[in-house]
Amino acid sequence: MSIPTSNRIEVRLREISQLFNSMDPSPFIDRDLDAAAEEFIVSWARELSHKSELELVIHLSTLPAPDRIAGTEEAVQHYFASRAEITHRELRLLLRRGRTSLIIGLLFLAGCFGLAEVAVPRAPLAYWNEFLKTGLQIVGWVAMWRPLEIFLYEWWPIRSDQRLLERLARMKVRLNLPAA
């Protein structure tokens, strides 16, 4: 099955080693991608349609070793699969933190409302009592800021990144080799 050109990411390199982090001592299959190469691939993938699979075409100026030719696709897929797993763990941690923050926030909010009803005396200075009561309620609601921020705004960009990395982990990698 041919992948439409619109979902093709093209990279031009002198040699295959430019795709990977030269400081990473790991075996070829476990090697990290170069930061600039990763950023280029990920940013290009963000621009493409989410409805179909991706293909990475690497145009090379020099012919790589045969083992590098065979292992490039697996190395790239392995790298993005690892990044997707890390992002999945970050999302789980964020949601766990959100649940903990929500419980703490609700308890604090309830405490502030209860304190506002019990502790604020019913004295002749009604405006001062109202000021304290409203202040305690506002402080309680402010404590809900973080859990609401997590559940309304923070989780979905991480989930979106995870889905993108999962797509990149499945993408086909094709080497366009120079004529011998």
Protein backbone atom coordinates (compact mmCIF):
# COMPACT_ATOMS: atom_id res chain seq x y z
CA MET A 1 0.00 0.00 0.00
CA SER A 2 1.43 3.37 -0.99
CA ILE A 3 1.33 6.18 1.53
CA PRO A 4 0.05 9.49 0.12
CA THR A 5 2.75 12.10 -0.46
CA SER A 6 0.94 14.46 1.91
CA ASN A 7 1.82 12.19 4.87
CA ARG A 8 5.44 11.82 3.92
CA ILE A 9 8.19 13.40 6.01
CA GLU A 10 11.38 13.92 4.06
CA VAL A 11 14.82 14.40 5.58
CA ARG A 12 18.03 15.05 3.65
CA LEU A 13 21.27 13.91 5.31
CA ARG A 14 24.86 13.33 4.31
CA GLU A 15 25.00 10.08 6.26
CA ILE A 16 22.65 8.04 8.45
CA SER A 17 24.65 8.84 11.62
CA GLN A 18 23.34 12.44 11.43
CA LEU A 19 19.90 11.11 12.33
CA PHE A 20 21.09 9.80 15.68
CA ASN A 21 22.65 11.37 18.77
CA SER A 22 26.39 10.97 18.32
CA MET A 23 26.98 11.12 22.10
CA ASP A 24 24.66 8.17 22.82
CA PRO A 25 26.80 5.04 23.45
CA SER A 26 23.79 2.69 23.13
CA PRO A 27 23.64 0.03 20.43
CA PHE A 28 22.24 1.31 17.13
CA ILE A 29 18.70 0.02 17.77
CA ASP A 30 18.48 1.78 21.16
CA ARG A 31 20.16 4.99 20.14
CA ASP A 32 18.35 8.29 20.65
CA LEU A 33 17.58 10.47 17.69
CA ASP A 34 19.51 13.69 17.33
CA ALA A 35 17.52 16.49 19.03
CA ALA A 36 17.34 18.59 15.86
CA ALA A 37 16.28 15.60 13.76
CA GLU A 38 13.61 14.65 16.29
CA GLU A 39 12.27 18.21 16.42
CA PHE A 40 12.18 18.36 12.62
CA ILE A 41 10.31 15.05 12.31
CA VAL A 42 7.85 15.78 15.13
CA SER A 43 7.08 19.31 13.96
CA TRP A 44 6.51 18.11 10.40
CA ALA A 45 4.27 15.28 11.65
CA ARG A 46 2.16 17.77 13.63
CA GLU A 47 1.35 19.56 10.36
CA LEU A 48 0.16 16.41 8.59
CA SER A 49 -3.26 14.79 8.59
CA HIS A 50 -4.06 12.65 11.62
CA LYS A 51 -6.20 10.29 9.57
CA SER A 52 -3.53 8.20 7.88
CA GLU A 53 -0.20 6.68 8.68
CA LEU A 54 3.12 8.45 8.25
CA GLU A 55 6.21 7.63 6.23
CA LEU A 56 9.72 8.95 6.83
CA VAL A 57 11.87 9.17 3.72
CA ILE A 58 15.56 9.74 4.44
CA HIS A 59 17.59 10.95 1.46
CA LEU A 60 21.27 10.08 1.96
CA SER A 61 24.36 11.38 0.16
CA THR A 62 26.61 8.50 1.24
CA LEU A 63 25.84 4.81 1.31
CA PRO A 64 25.56 3.47 4.90
CA ALA A 65 26.72 0.08 6.15
CA PRO A 66 24.27 -2.75 5.34
CA ASP A 67 23.40 -3.33 9.02
CA ARG A 68 22.48 0.36 9.38
CA ILE A 69 20.24 0.15 6.33
CA ALA A 70 18.37 -2.81 7.80
CA GLY A 71 18.11 -1.39 11.33
CA THR A 72 17.15 2.22 10.67
CA GLU A 73 13.38 1.71 10.60
CA GLU A 74 13.43 -0.37 13.76
CA ALA A 75 15.69 2.15 15.54
CA VAL A 76 13.43 5.10 14.63
CA GLN A 77 10.26 3.21 15.60
CA HIS A 78 11.85 2.04 18.85
CA TYR A 79 12.87 5.60 19.73
CA PHE A 80 9.37 7.02 19.20
CA ALA A 81 7.75 4.06 20.98
CA SER A 82 9.97 4.79 24.00
CA ARG A 83 9.04 8.49 23.88
CA ALA A 84 5.33 7.55 23.65
CA GLU A 85 5.68 5.34 26.74
CA ILE A 86 7.42 8.14 28.66
CA THR A 87 4.65 10.56 27.68
CA HIS A 88 2.02 8.01 28.75
CA ARG A 89 3.68 7.79 32.17
CA GLU A 90 3.79 11.60 32.42
CA LEU A 91 0.06 11.73 31.69
CA ARG A 92 -0.72 9.09 34.31
CA LEU A 93 1.38 10.99 36.85
CA LEU A 94 -0.34 14.29 36.00
CA LEU A 95 -3.81 12.75 36.37
CA ARG A 96 -2.84 11.13 39.68
CA ARG A 97 -1.54 14.52 40.87
CA GLY A 98 -4.80 16.07 39.66
CA ARG A 99 -6.92 13.60 41.64
CA THR A 100 -4.85 14.21 44.78
CA SER A 101 -5.06 17.97 44.27
CA LEU A 102 -8.81 17.71 43.72
CA ILE A 103 -9.36 15.83 46.99
CA ILE A 104 -7.17 18.26 48.92
CA GLY A 105 -8.82 21.23 47.21
CA LEU A 106 -12.36 20.00 47.95
CA LEU A 107 -11.52 19.33 51.59
CA PHE A 108 -9.93 22.76 51.90
CA LEU A 109 -12.90 24.40 50.16
CA ALA A 110 -15.33 22.63 52.50
CA GLY A 111 -13.18 23.70 55.47
CA CYS A 112 -13.19 27.33 54.30
CA PHE A 113 -16.96 27.35 53.84
CA GLY A 114 -17.45 25.68 57.21
CA LEU A 115 -15.07 28.09 58.91
CA ALA A 116 -16.84 31.00 57.25
CA GLU A 117 -20.15 29.86 58.76
CA VAL A 118 -18.87 28.91 62.20
CA ALA A 119 -15.95 31.18 63.00
CA VAL A 120 -17.19 34.48 61.67
CA PRO A 121 -19.12 35.94 64.60
CA ARG A 122 -22.51 37.49 64.16
CA ALA A 123 -21.44 40.85 65.56
CA PRO A 124 -22.78 44.31 64.92
CA LEU A 125 -20.03 44.91 62.36
CA ALA A 126 -21.95 43.09 59.61
CA TYR A 127 -19.83 44.50 56.79
CA TRP A 128 -16.64 43.17 58.47
CA ASN A 129 -18.24 39.75 59.02
CA GLU A 130 -19.32 39.62 55.37
CA PHE A 131 -15.79 40.62 54.32
CA LEU A 132 -14.24 37.73 56.34
CA LYS A 133 -16.84 35.22 55.16
CA THR A 134 -16.40 36.15 51.51
CA GLY A 135 -12.61 36.17 51.89
CA LEU A 136 -12.61 32.61 53.28
CA GLN A 137 -14.85 31.43 50.45
CA ILE A 138 -12.58 33.03 47.84
CA VAL A 139 -9.51 31.41 49.41
CA GLY A 140 -11.31 28.06 49.26
CA TRP A 141 -12.13 28.50 45.57
CA VAL A 142 -8.58 29.61 44.78
CA ALA A 143 -7.39 26.29 46.27
CA MET A 144 -9.41 24.58 43.50
CA TRP A 145 -7.41 26.38 40.81
CA ARG A 146 -4.72 23.73 40.33
CA PRO A 147 -6.97 20.65 40.06
CA LEU A 148 -9.26 22.49 37.66
CA GLU A 149 -6.26 23.61 35.59
CA ILE A 150 -5.06 20.01 35.34
CA PHE A 151 -8.43 18.52 34.39
CA LEU A 152 -9.52 21.33 32.07
CA TYR A 153 -6.30 22.31 30.29
CA GLU A 154 -3.09 20.41 31.06
CA TRP A 155 -3.91 16.80 30.25
CA TRP A 156 -5.07 17.04 26.65
CA PRO A 157 -1.87 18.49 25.09
CA ILE A 158 0.08 15.64 26.69
CA ARG A 159 -2.44 13.11 25.35
CA SER A 160 -2.16 14.71 21.92
CA ASP A 161 1.64 14.40 22.05
CA GLN A 162 1.32 10.77 23.11
CA ARG A 163 -0.93 9.97 20.14
CA LEU A 164 1.48 11.70 17.78
CA LEU A 165 4.44 9.77 19.19
CA GLU A 166 2.47 6.51 18.84
CA ARG A 167 1.84 7.35 15.17
CA LEU A 168 5.54 8.11 14.72
CA ALA A 169 6.39 4.76 16.35
CA ARG A 170 4.35 3.01 13.63
CA MET A 171 5.65 5.02 10.68
CA LYS A 172 7.46 3.34 7.84
CA VAL A 173 11.02 4.49 7.27
CA ARG A 174 12.45 4.38 3.79
CA LEU A 175 16.04 5.16 2.86
CA ASN A 176 16.62 6.85 -0.47
CA LEU A 177 20.19 5.73 -1.15
CA PRO A 178 22.65 7.33 -3.57
CA ALA A 179 23.37 5.56 -6.84
CA ALA A 180 26.38 3.29 -6.47
